[in-house]
């Protein structure tokens, strides 16, 4: 694996494939937060988020991040977090313990049931949905501290999930990964783009067709590409 690259001040790690990413984790990078990086996140002038990313592992989850890495001369592919969390479970479910946080109650319950069918040997330390007040959040933190899972997935949207993982990491060292809406995708509550669109790096365009309200977010990609081409990232 190549060394990380600074893109607009964010440290991004390039991976030539998902197997290389898994090997990277095996080789002494367990106690980190995995942060999915795309153009929208990288273009943000958010010092708190930038500091969090740079202390952990930012990886290219969007085509903009991949283009920036390749422009810097790095071999890299897009690593979709919505798929890679399942690669982690597939690789480590017989030796590591897991804890899941996020999603609506019904989404979380369906996620757990599907995981148990897909991975009968899954060692699940616990789980809870993503709707909780401050008191319930303290209970969640205490449970994670007591059960000490090896891997914690948090699906609550960015950057909220990153800040929650940072707090959890302070009291219990583990591998944390932010998943956004991945549980919704896994259980079929939300449909991803067809593979033909994904393979052409056009998943963003498919989302725009399905949700025209995202047009404002896609303007960020245009701004990102403009700065990238001018060498201002």
Protein backbone atom coordinates (compact mmCIF):
# COMPACT_ATOMS: atom_id res chain seq x y z
CA UNK A 1 0.00 0.00 0.00
CA UNK A 2 1.20 3.49 -0.84
CA UNK A 3 1.64 6.21 1.73
CA UNK A 4 -1.25 8.53 2.46
CA UNK A 5 -1.81 11.71 0.46
CA UNK A 6 -2.89 15.12 1.76
CA UNK A 7 -5.91 16.40 -0.16
CA UNK A 8 -7.15 19.80 1.01
CA UNK A 9 -5.48 19.01 4.31
CA UNK A 10 -7.23 15.64 4.73
CA UNK A 11 -5.04 12.54 4.88
CA UNK A 12 -6.36 9.93 2.46
CA UNK A 13 -5.00 6.39 2.16
CA UNK A 14 -4.94 4.81 -1.34
CA UNK A 15 -5.74 1.14 -1.77
CA UNK A 16 -5.45 -0.79 -5.03
CA UNK A 17 -8.22 -3.18 -3.96
CA UNK A 18 -10.31 -4.13 -0.93
CA UNK A 19 -8.05 -7.06 -0.10
CA UNK A 20 -5.18 -4.61 0.33
CA UNK A 21 -7.33 -2.58 2.73
CA UNK A 22 -8.09 -5.69 4.79
CA UNK A 23 -4.38 -6.57 4.93
CA UNK A 24 -3.63 -3.02 6.06
CA UNK A 25 -6.06 -3.44 8.96
CA UNK A 26 -4.56 -6.80 9.91
CA UNK A 27 -1.09 -5.30 10.06
CA UNK A 28 -1.46 -3.24 13.19
CA UNK A 29 -4.18 -0.70 12.40
CA UNK A 30 -7.04 -2.03 14.52
CA UNK A 31 -7.41 0.83 16.98
CA UNK A 32 -8.52 3.43 14.45
CA UNK A 33 -11.65 5.05 13.07
CA UNK A 34 -12.29 4.34 9.39
CA UNK A 35 -13.67 7.47 7.73
CA UNK A 36 -15.22 7.32 4.27
CA UNK A 37 -14.00 10.30 2.23
CA UNK A 38 -15.66 11.77 -0.83
CA UNK A 39 -15.54 15.14 -2.57
CA UNK A 40 -18.23 16.60 -0.32
CA UNK A 41 -16.32 15.75 2.83
CA UNK A 42 -12.85 16.69 1.56
CA UNK A 43 -13.95 20.11 0.32
CA UNK A 44 -15.27 21.02 3.78
CA UNK A 45 -13.22 23.53 5.70
CA UNK A 46 -13.90 21.83 9.02
CA UNK A 47 -10.84 21.78 11.25
CA UNK A 48 -12.41 19.46 13.82
CA UNK A 49 -13.32 16.87 11.21
CA UNK A 50 -9.97 17.27 9.45
CA UNK A 51 -8.13 16.66 12.71
CA UNK A 52 -10.22 13.56 13.41
CA UNK A 53 -9.54 12.15 9.93
CA UNK A 54 -5.82 12.84 10.12
CA UNK A 55 -5.51 10.96 13.41
CA UNK A 56 -7.26 7.94 11.93
CA UNK A 57 -7.78 6.25 8.55
CA UNK A 58 -9.50 8.17 5.78
CA UNK A 59 -10.20 6.05 2.69
CA UNK A 60 -11.63 6.88 -0.78
CA UNK A 61 -15.36 6.15 -0.68
CA UNK A 62 -16.17 8.54 -3.53
CA UNK A 63 -14.96 8.96 -7.08
CA UNK A 64 -13.69 12.48 -6.34
CA UNK A 65 -11.26 11.15 -3.73
CA UNK A 66 -10.09 8.49 -6.18
CA UNK A 67 -9.45 11.06 -8.92
CA UNK A 68 -7.45 13.19 -6.49
CA UNK A 69 -5.33 10.21 -5.43
CA UNK A 70 -4.66 9.19 -9.02
CA UNK A 71 -3.75 12.74 -9.93
CA UNK A 72 -1.19 12.52 -7.11
CA UNK A 73 0.27 9.43 -8.80
CA UNK A 74 -1.26 6.83 -6.47
CA UNK A 75 -2.85 3.57 -7.49
CA UNK A 76 -6.31 3.66 -5.92
CA UNK A 77 -9.86 2.46 -6.36
CA UNK A 78 -13.13 3.47 -4.74
CA UNK A 79 -13.81 1.47 -1.56
CA UNK A 80 -17.58 1.61 -0.98
CA UNK A 81 -18.21 1.59 2.77
CA UNK A 82 -21.63 0.07 2.06
CA UNK A 83 -19.78 -3.05 0.88
CA UNK A 84 -16.52 -2.98 2.78
CA UNK A 85 -18.09 -3.36 6.24
CA UNK A 86 -19.36 -6.75 5.06
CA UNK A 87 -15.87 -7.62 3.81
CA UNK A 88 -14.63 -6.94 7.34
CA UNK A 89 -17.28 -9.20 8.84
CA UNK A 90 -16.55 -11.91 6.27
CA UNK A 91 -12.82 -11.78 7.05
CA UNK A 92 -12.99 -11.56 10.85
CA UNK A 93 -16.37 -12.80 12.11
CA UNK A 94 -14.90 -16.00 13.55
CA UNK A 95 -12.17 -14.27 15.55
CA UNK A 96 -13.46 -10.77 16.38
CA UNK A 97 -16.49 -9.48 18.31
CA UNK A 98 -18.83 -6.88 16.82
CA UNK A 99 -21.17 -4.14 17.99
CA UNK A 100 -23.61 -2.27 15.73
CA UNK A 101 -25.15 1.17 16.25
CA UNK A 102 -27.51 3.10 13.99
CA UNK A 103 -30.56 3.08 11.78
CA UNK A 104 -34.24 3.05 12.60
CA UNK A 105 -35.38 0.34 15.05
CA UNK A 106 -36.89 -1.82 12.30
CA UNK A 107 -33.81 -1.39 10.10
CA UNK A 108 -31.49 -2.47 12.91
CA UNK A 109 -33.60 -5.52 13.75
CA UNK A 110 -33.66 -6.59 10.09
CA UNK A 111 -29.92 -5.98 9.83
CA UNK A 112 -29.20 -8.24 12.79
CA UNK A 113 -31.48 -10.99 11.53
CA UNK A 114 -29.92 -10.93 8.06
CA UNK A 115 -26.37 -10.92 9.46
CA UNK A 116 -27.12 -13.94 11.65
CA UNK A 117 -28.36 -15.84 8.61
CA UNK A 118 -25.43 -14.80 6.46
CA UNK A 119 -22.80 -15.34 9.18
CA UNK A 120 -24.05 -18.01 11.64
CA UNK A 121 -20.76 -17.84 13.57
CA UNK A 122 -20.93 -14.07 14.02
CA UNK A 123 -19.86 -13.11 17.55
CA UNK A 124 -22.20 -10.20 18.25
CA UNK A 125 -21.43 -8.30 21.45
CA UNK A 126 -24.50 -6.09 21.13
CA UNK A 127 -26.43 -3.55 19.06
CA UNK A 128 -28.88 -0.69 19.27
CA UNK A 129 -30.67 1.63 16.85
CA UNK A 130 -29.55 5.17 16.15
CA UNK A 131 -32.32 6.96 18.04
CA UNK A 132 -31.35 7.76 21.60
CA UNK A 133 -31.32 10.64 24.04
CA UNK A 134 -28.38 11.70 26.18
CA UNK A 135 -29.22 9.27 28.99
CA UNK A 136 -29.52 6.37 26.57
CA UNK A 137 -26.28 7.44 24.92
CA UNK A 138 -24.48 7.19 28.25
CA UNK A 139 -25.92 3.69 28.69
CA UNK A 140 -24.66 2.78 25.21
CA UNK A 141 -21.17 4.06 26.04
CA UNK A 142 -21.11 2.06 29.26
CA UNK A 143 -22.24 -1.11 27.52
CA UNK A 144 -19.53 -0.80 24.87
CA UNK A 145 -16.97 -0.15 27.59
CA UNK A 146 -18.09 -3.28 29.50
CA UNK A 147 -18.44 -5.63 26.52
CA UNK A 148 -15.29 -4.37 24.77
CA UNK A 149 -16.11 -5.37 21.17
CA UNK A 150 -13.23 -5.55 18.72
CA UNK A 151 -15.12 -3.82 15.90
CA UNK A 152 -17.88 -1.23 16.14
CA UNK A 153 -19.99 -0.07 13.19
CA UNK A 154 -21.81 3.25 13.59
CA UNK A 155 -24.39 4.21 10.95
CA UNK A 156 -25.71 7.65 11.84
CA UNK A 157 -24.69 9.96 9.02
CA UNK A 158 -21.62 12.15 8.71
CA UNK A 159 -20.09 13.95 10.53
CA UNK A 160 -22.27 13.01 13.52
CA UNK A 161 -21.15 9.39 13.41
CA UNK A 162 -17.47 10.40 13.30
CA UNK A 163 -17.78 12.49 16.45
CA UNK A 164 -19.68 9.71 18.24
CA UNK A 165 -16.99 7.20 17.28
CA UNK A 166 -14.32 9.57 18.53
CA UNK A 167 -16.03 9.74 21.94
CA UNK A 168 -16.43 5.97 22.07
CA UNK A 169 -12.80 5.48 21.04
CA UNK A 170 -11.64 7.63 23.96
CA UNK A 171 -13.04 5.15 26.47
CA UNK A 172 -12.75 1.89 24.52
CA UNK A 173 -10.04 1.27 21.93
CA UNK A 174 -11.33 -0.73 18.97
CA UNK A 175 -11.76 -0.54 15.20
CA UNK A 176 -14.62 1.84 14.45
CA UNK A 177 -16.22 2.39 11.05
CA UNK A 178 -18.84 4.95 10.05
CA UNK A 179 -21.47 3.54 7.70
CA UNK A 180 -23.99 6.29 6.94
CA UNK A 181 -27.05 4.57 5.45
CA UNK A 182 -25.41 1.19 4.86
CA UNK A 183 -27.83 -0.72 7.08
CA UNK A 184 -30.73 0.64 4.99
CA UNK A 185 -29.00 -0.56 1.82
CA UNK A 186 -28.14 -3.96 3.31
CA UNK A 187 -31.75 -4.63 4.33
CA UNK A 188 -33.30 -3.28 1.13
CA UNK A 189 -34.95 -0.21 2.63
CA UNK A 190 -32.86 1.87 0.21
CA UNK A 191 -31.75 0.75 -3.25
CA UNK A 192 -28.22 1.42 -4.49
CA UNK A 193 -27.49 2.23 -8.10
CA UNK A 194 -27.36 -0.71 -10.55
CA UNK A 195 -23.91 -2.27 -10.94
CA UNK A 196 -23.58 -0.84 -14.44
CA UNK A 197 -23.74 2.70 -13.00
CA UNK A 198 -21.44 1.82 -10.10
CA UNK A 199 -18.82 0.30 -12.41
CA UNK A 200 -18.78 3.51 -14.46
CA UNK A 201 -18.32 5.63 -11.31
CA UNK A 202 -21.75 7.17 -11.92
CA UNK A 203 -23.44 6.24 -8.67
CA UNK A 204 -23.63 9.96 -7.83
CA UNK A 205 -25.55 10.60 -11.06
CA UNK A 206 -28.01 7.80 -10.30
CA UNK A 207 -28.67 9.27 -6.86
CA UNK A 208 -29.28 12.64 -8.47
CA UNK A 209 -31.84 11.16 -10.86
CA UNK A 210 -33.62 9.44 -7.98
CA UNK A 211 -33.34 12.43 -5.64
CA UNK A 212 -33.25 15.74 -7.56
CA UNK A 213 -33.07 17.50 -4.19
CA UNK A 214 -29.42 16.37 -4.06
CA UNK A 215 -28.49 18.88 -6.80
CA UNK A 216 -26.94 21.18 -4.20
CA UNK A 217 -24.65 18.39 -3.00
CA UNK A 218 -23.57 17.60 -6.55
CA UNK A 219 -22.50 21.20 -7.06
CA UNK A 220 -19.89 20.40 -4.43
CA UNK A 221 -18.44 17.75 -6.75
CA UNK A 222 -18.15 20.34 -9.53
CA UNK A 223 -16.39 22.73 -7.14
CA UNK A 224 -14.08 19.91 -6.03
CA UNK A 225 -13.16 19.01 -9.62
CA UNK A 226 -12.53 22.67 -10.48
CA UNK A 227 -10.10 23.02 -7.58
CA UNK A 228 -8.51 19.66 -8.33
CA UNK A 229 -7.83 20.57 -11.97
CA UNK A 230 -6.34 23.89 -10.92
CA UNK A 231 -4.12 22.18 -8.34
CA UNK A 232 -5.75 24.01 -5.42
CA UNK A 233 -6.46 20.96 -3.24
